[in-house]
Amino acid sequence: MQVEILIPLGFFAVVFASLYVYLTTRNKERLALIEKGASPELFKAKPDASSGHGSFKLGLFLVGIALGILCGYFLAEGGMEEEPAYFSMIFLFGGIALVTSYFMQKKNLEK
């Protein structure tokens, strides 16, 4: 058997095992809480005041990554090595976007 086939099989086995353990543990925990008298309504997802913030954060993060790629291109054209230019700018602008998203969400929640 070739080694190349073992890596994807191992990856999918680990993903499957992780999901299986997570779901069975969650089910057992919920059943135990219901037996103790907890309401099943406890497990239903509730609409949160922060709904929509996840898509806002993702959008701002992707804009930050795009700006990082653009700035990395300009740095690479300016004489810097290509790999460090792209990686540093992507991480820098992606991080700035996430921090900006945090402060904007914090400001909106205070209103």
PDB file of N, CA and C in Angstrom:
ATOM      1  N   MET A   1       0.841  -1.178   0.000  1.00  0.00           N
ATOM      2  CA  MET A   1       0.000   0.000   0.000  1.00  0.00           C
ATOM      3  C   MET A   1       0.889   1.244   0.000  1.00  0.00           C
ATOM      4  N   GLN A   2       0.540   2.212  -0.799  1.00  0.00           N
ATOM      5  CA  GLN A   2       1.365   3.395  -0.914  1.00  0.00           C
ATOM      6  C   GLN A   2       1.079   4.370   0.216  1.00  0.00           C
ATOM      7  N   VAL A   3       2.096   5.123   0.566  1.00  0.00           N
ATOM      8  CA  VAL A   3       1.996   6.074   1.669  1.00  0.00           C
ATOM      9  C   VAL A   3       1.099   7.248   1.294  1.00  0.00           C
ATOM     10  N   GLU A   4       1.048   7.611   0.015  1.00  0.00           N
ATOM     11  CA  GLU A   4       0.277   8.773  -0.414  1.00  0.00           C
ATOM     12  C   GLU A   4      -1.210   8.638  -0.119  1.00  0.00           C
ATOM     13  N   ILE A   5      -1.719   7.429  -0.085  1.00  0.00           N
ATOM     14  CA  ILE A   5      -3.133   7.220   0.175  1.00  0.00           C
ATOM     15  C   ILE A   5      -3.436   7.229   1.672  1.00  0.00           C
ATOM     16  N   LEU A   6      -2.441   6.959   2.498  1.00  0.00           N
ATOM     17  CA  LEU A   6      -2.661   6.904   3.934  1.00  0.00           C
ATOM     18  C   LEU A   6      -2.904   8.287   4.541  1.00  0.00           C
ATOM     19  N   ILE A   7      -2.301   9.306   3.996  1.00  0.00           N
ATOM     20  CA  ILE A   7      -2.443  10.652   4.560  1.00  0.00           C
ATOM     21  C   ILE A   7      -3.890  11.158   4.443  1.00  0.00           C
ATOM     22  N   PRO A   8      -4.520  11.123   3.266  1.00  0.00           N
ATOM     23  CA  PRO A   8      -5.920  11.561   3.215  1.00  0.00           C
ATOM     24  C   PRO A   8      -6.855  10.667   4.033  1.00  0.00           C
ATOM     25  N   LEU A   9      -6.600   9.364   4.015  1.00  0.00           N
ATOM     26  CA  LEU A   9      -7.436   8.467   4.813  1.00  0.00           C
ATOM     27  C   LEU A   9      -7.302   8.766   6.302  1.00  0.00           C
ATOM     28  N   GLY A  10      -6.095   9.008   6.752  1.00  0.00           N
ATOM     29  CA  GLY A  10      -5.872   9.363   8.155  1.00  0.00           C
ATOM     30  C   GLY A  10      -6.530  10.680   8.518  1.00  0.00           C
ATOM     31  N   PHE A  11      -6.455  11.648   7.621  1.00  0.00           N
ATOM     32  CA  PHE A  11      -7.075  12.951   7.868  1.00  0.00           C
ATOM     33  C   PHE A  11      -8.584  12.807   8.044  1.00  0.00           C
ATOM     34  N   PHE A  12      -9.234  12.109   7.109  1.00  0.00           N
ATOM     35  CA  PHE A  12     -10.679  11.947   7.195  1.00  0.00           C
ATOM     36  C   PHE A  12     -11.080  11.089   8.394  1.00  0.00           C
ATOM     37  N   ALA A  13     -10.244  10.132   8.774  1.00  0.00           N
ATOM     38  CA  ALA A  13     -10.534   9.325   9.958  1.00  0.00           C
ATOM     39  C   ALA A  13     -10.485  10.189  11.220  1.00  0.00           C
ATOM     40  N   VAL A  14      -9.522  11.084  11.303  1.00  0.00           N
ATOM     41  CA  VAL A  14      -9.412  11.964  12.469  1.00  0.00           C
ATOM     42  C   VAL A  14     -10.592  12.931  12.520  1.00  0.00           C
ATOM     43  N   VAL A  15     -10.985  13.489  11.378  1.00  0.00           N
ATOM     44  CA  VAL A  15     -12.133  14.402  11.338  1.00  0.00           C
ATOM     45  C   VAL A  15     -13.399  13.665  11.745  1.00  0.00           C
ATOM     46  N   PHE A  16     -13.615  12.494  11.202  1.00  0.00           N
ATOM     47  CA  PHE A  16     -14.804  11.704  11.545  1.00  0.00           C
ATOM     48  C   PHE A  16     -14.815  11.349  13.029  1.00  0.00           C
ATOM     49  N   ALA A  17     -13.693  10.906  13.556  1.00  0.00           N
ATOM     50  CA  ALA A  17     -13.627  10.524  14.969  1.00  0.00           C
ATOM     51  C   ALA A  17     -13.884  11.731  15.868  1.00  0.00           C
ATOM     52  N   SER A  18     -13.353  12.869  15.514  1.00  0.00           N
ATOM     53  CA  SER A  18     -13.567  14.073  16.320  1.00  0.00           C
ATOM     54  C   SER A  18     -15.037  14.468  16.330  1.00  0.00           C
ATOM     55  N   LEU A  19     -15.667  14.463  15.161  1.00  0.00           N
ATOM     56  CA  LEU A  19     -17.089  14.804  15.093  1.00  0.00           C
ATOM     57  C   LEU A  19     -17.944  13.794  15.854  1.00  0.00           C
ATOM     58  N   TYR A  20     -17.619  12.533  15.725  1.00  0.00           N
ATOM     59  CA  TYR A  20     -18.372  11.485  16.408  1.00  0.00           C
ATOM     60  C   TYR A  20     -18.300  11.665  17.923  1.00  0.00           C
ATOM     61  N   VAL A  21     -17.103  11.881  18.446  1.00  0.00           N
ATOM     62  CA  VAL A  21     -16.943  12.057  19.888  1.00  0.00           C
ATOM     63  C   VAL A  21     -17.667  13.314  20.349  1.00  0.00           C
ATOM     64  N   TYR A  22     -17.565  14.395  19.598  1.00  0.00           N
ATOM     65  CA  TYR A  22     -18.226  15.647  19.968  1.00  0.00           C
ATOM     66  C   TYR A  22     -19.740  15.480  20.019  1.00  0.00           C
ATOM     67  N   LEU A  23     -20.310  14.886  18.985  1.00  0.00           N
ATOM     68  CA  LEU A  23     -21.761  14.758  18.917  1.00  0.00           C
ATOM     69  C   LEU A  23     -22.309  13.780  19.955  1.00  0.00           C
ATOM     70  N   THR A  24     -21.643  12.665  20.177  1.00  0.00           N
ATOM     71  CA  THR A  24     -22.141  11.712  21.171  1.00  0.00           C
ATOM     72  C   THR A  24     -22.007  12.275  22.585  1.00  0.00           C
ATOM     73  N   THR A  25     -20.940  12.994  22.855  1.00  0.00           N
ATOM     74  CA  THR A  25     -20.762  13.606  24.173  1.00  0.00           C
ATOM     75  C   THR A  25     -21.813  14.675  24.411  1.00  0.00           C
ATOM     76  N   ARG A  26     -22.092  15.494  23.411  1.00  0.00           N
ATOM     77  CA  ARG A  26     -23.104  16.536  23.534  1.00  0.00           C
ATOM     78  C   ARG A  26     -24.482  15.914  23.782  1.00  0.00           C
ATOM     79  N   ASN A  27     -24.779  14.821  23.068  1.00  0.00           N
ATOM     80  CA  ASN A  27     -26.062  14.152  23.246  1.00  0.00           C
ATOM     81  C   ASN A  27     -26.199  13.591  24.664  1.00  0.00           C
ATOM     82  N   LYS A  28     -25.160  12.951  25.170  1.00  0.00           N
ATOM     83  CA  LYS A  28     -25.203  12.388  26.525  1.00  0.00           C
ATOM     84  C   LYS A  28     -25.358  13.496  27.568  1.00  0.00           C
ATOM     85  N   GLU A  29     -24.669  14.607  27.356  1.00  0.00           N
ATOM     86  CA  GLU A  29     -24.761  15.720  28.294  1.00  0.00           C
ATOM     87  C   GLU A  29     -26.177  16.306  28.306  1.00  0.00           C
ATOM     88  N   ARG A  30     -26.758  16.462  27.145  1.00  0.00           N
ATOM     89  CA  ARG A  30     -28.123  16.997  27.071  1.00  0.00           C
ATOM     90  C   ARG A  30     -29.128  16.055  27.708  1.00  0.00           C
ATOM     91  N   LEU A  31     -28.976  14.761  27.461  1.00  0.00           N
ATOM     92  CA  LEU A  31     -29.885  13.796  28.080  1.00  0.00           C
ATOM     93  C   LEU A  31     -29.766  13.811  29.601  1.00  0.00           C
ATOM     94  N   ALA A  32     -28.551  13.948  30.111  1.00  0.00           N
ATOM     95  CA  ALA A  32     -28.352  14.008  31.557  1.00  0.00           C
ATOM     96  C   ALA A  32     -28.992  15.264  32.137  1.00  0.00           C
ATOM     97  N   LEU A  33     -28.882  16.392  31.453  1.00  0.00           N
ATOM     98  CA  LEU A  33     -29.509  17.625  31.934  1.00  0.00           C
ATOM     99  C   LEU A  33     -31.032  17.518  31.926  1.00  0.00           C
ATOM    100  N   ILE A  34     -31.595  16.876  30.900  1.00  0.00           N
ATOM    101  CA  ILE A  34     -33.046  16.704  30.838  1.00  0.00           C
ATOM    102  C   ILE A  34     -33.515  15.777  31.953  1.00  0.00           C
ATOM    103  N   GLU A  35     -32.742  14.728  32.259  1.00  0.00           N
ATOM    104  CA  GLU A  35     -33.099  13.832  33.354  1.00  0.00           C
ATOM    105  C   GLU A  35     -33.081  14.552  34.697  1.00  0.00           C
ATOM    106  N   LYS A  36     -32.199  15.533  34.847  1.00  0.00           N
ATOM    107  CA  LYS A  36     -32.111  16.290  36.099  1.00  0.00           C
ATOM    108  C   LYS A  36     -33.206  17.341  36.210  1.00  0.00           C
ATOM    109  N   GLY A  37     -33.976  17.543  35.133  1.00  0.00           N
ATOM    110  CA  GLY A  37     -35.087  18.472  35.207  1.00  0.00           C
ATOM    111  C   GLY A  37     -34.915  19.744  34.399  1.00  0.00           C
ATOM    112  N   ALA A  38     -33.869  19.866  33.623  1.00  0.00           N
ATOM    113  CA  ALA A  38     -33.674  21.056  32.799  1.00  0.00           C
ATOM    114  C   ALA A  38     -34.657  21.035  31.634  1.00  0.00           C
ATOM    115  N   SER A  39     -35.056  22.205  31.209  1.00  0.00           N
ATOM    116  CA  SER A  39     -36.011  22.317  30.116  1.00  0.00           C
ATOM    117  C   SER A  39     -35.320  22.072  28.777  1.00  0.00           C
ATOM    118  N   PRO A  40     -35.969  21.350  27.873  1.00  0.00           N
ATOM    119  CA  PRO A  40     -35.381  21.151  26.542  1.00  0.00           C
ATOM    120  C   PRO A  40     -35.274  22.448  25.744  1.00  0.00           C
ATOM    121  N   GLU A  41     -36.026  23.473  26.149  1.00  0.00           N
ATOM    122  CA  GLU A  41     -35.943  24.774  25.473  1.00  0.00           C
ATOM    123  C   GLU A  41     -34.565  25.394  25.656  1.00  0.00           C
ATOM    124  N   LEU A  42     -33.823  24.925  26.632  1.00  0.00           N
ATOM    125  CA  LEU A  42     -32.489  25.443  26.914  1.00  0.00           C
ATOM    126  C   LEU A  42     -31.537  25.235  25.735  1.00  0.00           C
ATOM    127  N   PHE A  43     -31.785  24.205  24.938  1.00  0.00           N
ATOM    128  CA  PHE A  43     -30.865  23.838  23.871  1.00  0.00           C
ATOM    129  C   PHE A  43     -31.183  24.480  22.531  1.00  0.00           C
ATOM    130  N   LYS A  44     -32.301  25.185  22.444  1.00  0.00           N
ATOM    131  CA  LYS A  44     -32.645  25.845  21.185  1.00  0.00           C
ATOM    132  C   LYS A  44     -31.809  27.105  21.024  1.00  0.00           C
ATOM    133  N   ALA A  45     -31.410  27.374  19.800  1.00  0.00           N
ATOM    134  CA  ALA A  45     -30.629  28.573  19.519  1.00  0.00           C
ATOM    135  C   ALA A  45     -31.513  29.795  19.659  1.00  0.00           C
ATOM    136  N   LYS A  46     -31.008  30.802  20.366  1.00  0.00           N
ATOM    137  CA  LYS A  46     -31.757  32.025  20.574  1.00  0.00           C
ATOM    138  C   LYS A  46     -31.202  33.117  19.671  1.00  0.00           C
ATOM    139  N   PRO A  47     -32.077  33.901  19.067  1.00  0.00           N
ATOM    140  CA  PRO A  47     -31.561  35.030  18.305  1.00  0.00           C
ATOM    141  C   PRO A  47     -30.864  35.990  19.253  1.00  0.00           C
ATOM    142  N   ASP A  48     -29.688  36.392  18.889  1.00  0.00           N
ATOM    143  CA  ASP A  48     -28.853  37.205  19.755  1.00  0.00           C
ATOM    144  C   ASP A  48     -28.841  38.646  19.261  1.00  0.00           C
ATOM    145  N   ALA A  49     -28.505  39.547  20.141  1.00  0.00           N
ATOM    146  CA  ALA A  49     -28.389  40.951  19.750  1.00  0.00           C
ATOM    147  C   ALA A  49     -27.196  41.150  18.821  1.00  0.00           C
ATOM    148  N   SER A  50     -26.278  40.194  18.835  1.00  0.00           N
ATOM    149  CA  SER A  50     -25.081  40.328  18.006  1.00  0.00           C
ATOM    150  C   SER A  50     -25.237  39.643  16.658  1.00  0.00           C
ATOM    151  N   SER A  51     -26.469  39.278  16.272  1.00  0.00           N
ATOM    152  CA  SER A  51     -26.631  38.611  14.989  1.00  0.00           C
ATOM    153  C   SER A  51     -26.233  39.559  13.872  1.00  0.00           C
ATOM    154  N   GLY A  52     -25.526  39.055  12.917  1.00  0.00           N
ATOM    155  CA  GLY A  52     -25.033  39.874  11.818  1.00  0.00           C
ATOM    156  C   GLY A  52     -23.607  40.339  12.041  1.00  0.00           C
ATOM    157  N   HIS A  53     -23.124  40.248  13.279  1.00  0.00           N
ATOM    158  CA  HIS A  53     -21.759  40.695  13.548  1.00  0.00           C
ATOM    159  C   HIS A  53     -20.728  39.734  12.973  1.00  0.00           C
ATOM    160  N   GLY A  54     -21.088  38.458  12.891  1.00  0.00           N
ATOM    161  CA  GLY A  54     -20.146  37.482  12.328  1.00  0.00           C
ATOM    162  C   GLY A  54     -19.872  37.751  10.864  1.00  0.00           C
ATOM    163  N   SER A  55     -20.914  38.056  10.103  1.00  0.00           N
ATOM    164  CA  SER A  55     -20.710  38.355   8.691  1.00  0.00           C
ATOM    165  C   SER A  55     -19.993  39.684   8.513  1.00  0.00           C
ATOM    166  N   PHE A  56     -20.264  40.633   9.403  1.00  0.00           N
ATOM    167  CA  PHE A  56     -19.549  41.915   9.351  1.00  0.00           C
ATOM    168  C   PHE A  56     -18.065  41.707   9.618  1.00  0.00           C
ATOM    169  N   LYS A  57     -17.756  40.899  10.642  1.00  0.00           N
ATOM    170  CA  LYS A  57     -16.361  40.628  10.989  1.00  0.00           C
ATOM    171  C   LYS A  57     -15.650  39.906   9.846  1.00  0.00           C
ATOM    172  N   LEU A  58     -16.322  38.921   9.242  1.00  0.00           N
ATOM    173  CA  LEU A  58     -15.724  38.186   8.134  1.00  0.00           C
ATOM    174  C   LEU A  58     -15.481  39.101   6.938  1.00  0.00           C
ATOM    175  N   GLY A  59     -16.461  39.949   6.633  1.00  0.00           N
ATOM    176  CA  GLY A  59     -16.304  40.872   5.515  1.00  0.00           C
ATOM    177  C   GLY A  59     -15.172  41.838   5.730  1.00  0.00           C
ATOM    178  N   LEU A  60     -15.074  42.393   6.936  1.00  0.00           N
ATOM    179  CA  LEU A  60     -13.988  43.327   7.229  1.00  0.00           C
ATOM    180  C   LEU A  60     -12.640  42.612   7.200  1.00  0.00           C
ATOM    181  N   PHE A  61     -12.614  41.370   7.667  1.00  0.00           N
ATOM    182  CA  PHE A  61     -11.379  40.588   7.638  1.00  0.00           C
ATOM    183  C   PHE A  61     -10.925  40.325   6.200  1.00  0.00           C
ATOM    184  N   LEU A  62     -11.865  39.982   5.325  1.00  0.00           N
ATOM    185  CA  LEU A  62     -11.506  39.733   3.927  1.00  0.00           C
ATOM    186  C   LEU A  62     -11.047  40.999   3.223  1.00  0.00           C
ATOM    187  N   VAL A  63     -11.650  42.136   3.568  1.00  0.00           N
ATOM    188  CA  VAL A  63     -11.181  43.413   3.013  1.00  0.00           C
ATOM    189  C   VAL A  63      -9.758  43.691   3.497  1.00  0.00           C
ATOM    190  N   GLY A  64      -9.487  43.402   4.768  1.00  0.00           N
ATOM    191  CA  GLY A  64      -8.138  43.581   5.298  1.00  0.00           C
ATOM    192  C   GLY A  64      -7.129  42.687   4.601  1.00  0.00           C
ATOM    193  N   ILE A  65      -7.505  41.452   4.316  1.00  0.00           N
ATOM    194  CA  ILE A  65      -6.607  40.548   3.599  1.00  0.00           C
ATOM    195  C   ILE A  65      -6.337  41.064   2.190  1.00  0.00           C
ATOM    196  N   ALA A  66      -7.388  41.568   1.530  1.00  0.00           N
ATOM    197  CA  ALA A  66      -7.210  42.112   0.182  1.00  0.00           C
ATOM    198  C   ALA A  66      -6.264  43.309   0.203  1.00  0.00           C
ATOM    199  N   LEU A  67      -6.419  44.185   1.190  1.00  0.00           N
ATOM    200  CA  LEU A  67      -5.496  45.319   1.304  1.00  0.00           C
ATOM    201  C   LEU A  67      -4.076  44.841   1.597  1.00  0.00           C
ATOM    202  N   GLY A  68      -3.957  43.791   2.385  1.00  0.00           N
ATOM    203  CA  GLY A  68      -2.639  43.228   2.677  1.00  0.00           C
ATOM    204  C   GLY A  68      -1.980  42.658   1.440  1.00  0.00           C
ATOM    205  N   ILE A  69      -2.751  41.986   0.596  1.00  0.00           N
ATOM    206  CA  ILE A  69      -2.196  41.447  -0.656  1.00  0.00           C
ATOM    207  C   ILE A  69      -1.744  42.597  -1.555  1.00  0.00           C
ATOM    208  N   LEU A  70      -2.543  43.632  -1.613  1.00  0.00           N
ATOM    209  CA  LEU A  70      -2.205  44.794  -2.433  1.00  0.00           C
ATOM    210  C   LEU A  70      -0.931  45.479  -1.932  1.00  0.00           C
ATOM    211  N   CYS A  71      -0.847  45.695  -0.627  1.00  0.00           N
ATOM    212  CA  CYS A  71       0.371  46.319  -0.077  1.00  0.00           C
ATOM    213  C   CYS A  71       1.579  45.393  -0.212  1.00  0.00           C
ATOM    214  N   GLY A  72       1.360  44.083  -0.071  1.00  0.00           N
ATOM    215  CA  GLY A  72       2.453  43.132  -0.273  1.00  0.00           C
ATOM    216  C   GLY A  72       2.973  43.175  -1.691  1.00  0.00           C
ATOM    217  N   TYR A  73       2.082  43.359  -2.642  1.00  0.00           N
ATOM    218  CA  TYR A  73       2.491  43.489  -4.043  1.00  0.00           C
ATOM    219  C   TYR A  73       3.370  44.725  -4.225  1.00  0.00           C
ATOM    220  N   PHE A  74       2.955  45.837  -3.636  1.00  0.00           N
ATOM    221  CA  PHE A  74       3.745  47.067  -3.778  1.00  0.00           C
ATOM    222  C   PHE A  74       5.102  46.938  -3.093  1.00  0.00           C
ATOM    223  N   LEU A  75       5.151  46.255  -1.964  1.00  0.00           N
ATOM    224  CA  LEU A  75       6.439  46.033  -1.301  1.00  0.00           C
ATOM    225  C   LEU A  75       7.338  45.123  -2.131  1.00  0.00           C
ATOM    226  N   ALA A  76       6.748  44.085  -2.719  1.00  0.00           N
ATOM    227  CA  ALA A  76       7.530  43.157  -3.539  1.00  0.00           C
ATOM    228  C   ALA A  76       8.063  43.867  -4.780  1.00  0.00           C
ATOM    229  N   GLU A  77       7.256  44.736  -5.371  1.00  0.00           N
ATOM    230  CA  GLU A  77       7.706  45.488  -6.537  1.00  0.00           C
ATOM    231  C   GLU A  77       8.747  46.544  -6.155  1.00  0.00           C
ATOM    232  N   GLY A  78       8.723  46.970  -4.898  1.00  0.00           N
ATOM    233  CA  GLY A  78       9.666  47.978  -4.424  1.00  0.00           C
ATOM    234  C   GLY A  78      11.019  47.418  -4.058  1.00  0.00           C
ATOM    235  N   GLY A  79      11.182  46.116  -4.121  1.00  0.00           N
ATOM    236  CA  GLY A  79      12.491  45.538  -3.872  1.00  0.00           C
ATOM    237  C   GLY A  79      12.544  44.553  -2.721  1.00  0.00           C
ATOM    238  N   MET A  80      11.512  44.448  -1.930  1.00  0.00           N
ATOM    239  CA  MET A  80      11.499  43.482  -0.822  1.00  0.00           C
ATOM    240  C   MET A  80      11.261  42.084  -1.388  1.00  0.00           C
ATOM    241  N   GLU A  81      11.739  41.083  -0.673  1.00  0.00           N
ATOM    242  CA  GLU A  81      11.490  39.711  -1.116  1.00  0.00           C
ATOM    243  C   GLU A  81       9.992  39.445  -1.121  1.00  0.00           C
ATOM    244  N   GLU A  82       9.557  38.602  -2.046  1.00  0.00           N
ATOM    245  CA  GLU A  82       8.123  38.425  -2.287  1.00  0.00           C
ATOM    246  C   GLU A  82       7.398  37.756  -1.124  1.00  0.00           C
ATOM    247  N   GLU A  83       7.899  36.636  -0.637  1.00  0.00           N
ATOM    248  CA  GLU A  83       7.192  35.897   0.410  1.00  0.00           C
ATOM    249  C   GLU A  83       7.019  36.701   1.694  1.00  0.00           C
ATOM    250  N   PRO A  84       8.094  37.282   2.251  1.00  0.00           N
ATOM    251  CA  PRO A  84       7.892  38.067   3.481  1.00  0.00           C
ATOM    252  C   PRO A  84       6.985  39.274   3.273  1.00  0.00           C
ATOM    253  N   ALA A  85       7.049  39.873   2.094  1.00  0.00           N
ATOM    254  CA  ALA A  85       6.211  41.047   1.827  1.00  0.00           C
ATOM    255  C   ALA A  85       4.734  40.662   1.880  1.00  0.00           C
ATOM    256  N   TYR A  86       4.371  39.597   1.184  1.00  0.00           N
ATOM    257  CA  TYR A  86       2.967  39.197   1.152  1.00  0.00           C
ATOM    258  C   TYR A  86       2.479  38.723   2.524  1.00  0.00           C
ATOM    259  N   PHE A  87       3.231  37.818   3.153  1.00  0.00           N
ATOM    260  CA  PHE A  87       2.783  37.267   4.421  1.00  0.00           C
ATOM    261  C   PHE A  87       2.680  38.330   5.503  1.00  0.00           C
ATOM    262  N   SER A  88       3.663  39.209   5.590  1.00  0.00           N
ATOM    263  CA  SER A  88       3.621  40.225   6.639  1.00  0.00           C
ATOM    264  C   SER A  88       2.460  41.182   6.437  1.00  0.00           C
ATOM    265  N   MET A  89       2.206  41.578   5.224  1.00  0.00           N
ATOM    266  CA  MET A  89       1.122  42.523   4.975  1.00  0.00           C
ATOM    267  C   MET A  89      -0.251  41.867   5.146  1.00  0.00           C
ATOM    268  N   ILE A  90      -0.387  40.602   4.746  1.00  0.00           N
ATOM    269  CA  ILE A  90      -1.667  39.908   4.938  1.00  0.00           C
ATOM    270  C   ILE A  90      -1.982  39.789   6.421  1.00  0.00           C
ATOM    271  N   PHE A  91      -1.000  39.370   7.224  1.00  0.00           N
ATOM    272  CA  PHE A  91      -1.243  39.242   8.658  1.00  0.00           C
ATOM    273  C   PHE A  91      -1.462  40.596   9.313  1.00  0.00           C
ATOM    274  N   LEU A  92      -0.707  41.595   8.905  1.00  0.00           N
ATOM    275  CA  LEU A  92      -0.849  42.926   9.488  1.00  0.00           C
ATOM    276  C   LEU A  92      -2.234  43.504   9.214  1.00  0.00           C
ATOM    277  N   PHE A  93      -2.653  43.518   7.963  1.00  0.00           N
ATOM    278  CA  PHE A  93      -3.934  44.115   7.625  1.00  0.00           C
ATOM    279  C   PHE A  93      -5.111  43.242   8.075  1.00  0.00           C
ATOM    280  N   GLY A  94      -4.954  41.926   8.080  1.00  0.00           N
ATOM    281  CA  GLY A  94      -5.999  41.060   8.616  1.00  0.00           C
ATOM    282  C   GLY A  94      -6.203  41.303  10.099  1.00  0.00           C
ATOM    283  N   GLY A  95      -5.113  41.450  10.843  1.00  0.00           N
ATOM    284  CA  GLY A  95      -5.201  41.752  12.273  1.00  0.00           C
ATOM    285  C   GLY A  95      -5.802  43.119  12.533  1.00  0.00           C
ATOM    286  N   ILE A  96      -5.401  44.103  11.756  1.00  0.00           N
ATOM    287  CA  ILE A  96      -5.973  45.447  11.904  1.00  0.00           C
ATOM    288  C   ILE A  96      -7.473  45.416  11.647  1.00  0.00           C
ATOM    289  N   ALA A  97      -7.905  44.643  10.651  1.00  0.00           N
ATOM    290  CA  ALA A  97      -9.333  44.543  10.351  1.00  0.00           C
ATOM    291  C   ALA A  97     -10.095  43.901  11.501  1.00  0.00           C
ATOM    292  N   LEU A  98      -9.535  42.863  12.122  1.00  0.00           N
ATOM    293  CA  LEU A  98     -10.219  42.221  13.242  1.00  0.00           C
ATOM    294  C   LEU A  98     -10.294  43.137  14.461  1.00  0.00           C
ATOM    295  N   VAL A  99      -9.236  43.889  14.723  1.00  0.00           N
ATOM    296  CA  VAL A  99      -9.259  44.831  15.842  1.00  0.00           C
ATOM    297  C   VAL A  99     -10.274  45.940  15.573  1.00  0.00           C
ATOM    298  N   THR A 100     -10.306  46.428  14.339  1.00  0.00           N
ATOM    299  CA  THR A 100     -11.292  47.447  13.967  1.00  0.00           C
ATOM    300  C   THR A 100     -12.706  46.913  14.129  1.00  0.00           C
ATOM    301  N   SER A 101     -12.920  45.679  13.716  1.00  0.00           N
ATOM    302  CA  SER A 101     -14.228  45.058  13.861  1.00  0.00           C
ATOM    303  C   SER A 101     -14.637  44.971  15.330  1.00  0.00           C
ATOM    304  N   TYR A 102     -13.696  44.627  16.190  1.00  0.00           N
ATOM    305  CA  TYR A 102     -13.983  44.528  17.624  1.00  0.00           C
ATOM    306  C   TYR A 102     -14.442  45.879  18.166  1.00  0.00           C
ATOM    307  N   PHE A 103     -13.707  46.937  17.856  1.00  0.00           N
ATOM    308  CA  PHE A 103     -14.062  48.245  18.389  1.00  0.00           C
ATOM    309  C   PHE A 103     -15.366  48.773  17.795  1.00  0.00           C
ATOM    310  N   MET A 104     -15.631  48.469  16.535  1.00  0.00           N
ATOM    311  CA  MET A 104     -16.888  48.908  15.939  1.00  0.00           C
ATOM    312  C   MET A 104     -18.074  48.170  16.557  1.00  0.00           C
ATOM    313  N   GLN A 105     -17.928  46.870  16.836  1.00  0.00           N
ATOM    314  CA  GLN A 105     -19.004  46.113  17.462  1.00  0.00           C
ATOM    315  C   GLN A 105     -19.221  46.592  18.899  1.00  0.00           C
ATOM    316  N   LYS A 106     -18.139  46.881  19.579  1.00  0.00           N
ATOM    317  CA  LYS A 106     -18.234  47.373  20.956  1.00  0.00           C
ATOM    318  C   LYS A 106     -18.974  48.710  20.990  1.00  0.00           C
ATOM    319  N   LYS A 107     -18.681  49.563  20.020  1.00  0.00           N
ATOM    320  CA  LYS A 107     -19.343  50.869  19.936  1.00  0.00           C
ATOM    321  C   LYS A 107     -20.830  50.697  19.653  1.00  0.00           C
ATOM    322  N   ASN A 108     -21.183  49.757  18.764  1.00  0.00           N
ATOM    323  CA  ASN A 108     -22.591  49.527  18.426  1.00  0.00           C
ATOM    324  C   ASN A 108     -23.363  48.906  19.594  1.00  0.00           C
ATOM    325  N   LEU A 109     -22.732  48.071  20.385  1.00  0.00           N
ATOM    326  CA  LEU A 109     -23.413  47.453  21.522  1.00  0.00           C
ATOM    327  C   LEU A 109     -23.667  48.446  22.647  1.00  0.00           C
ATOM    328  N   GLU A 110     -22.827  49.480  22.739  1.00  0.00           N
ATOM    329  CA  GLU A 110     -23.016  50.483  23.772  1.00  0.00           C
ATOM    330  C   GLU A 110     -24.214  51.376  23.467  1.00  0.00           C
ATOM    331  N   LYS A 111     -24.599  51.493  22.205  1.00  0.00           N
ATOM    332  CA  LYS A 111     -25.733  52.360  21.824  1.00  0.00           C
ATOM    333  C   LYS A 111     -27.057  51.778  22.230  1.00  0.00           C
TER     334      LYS A 111
END
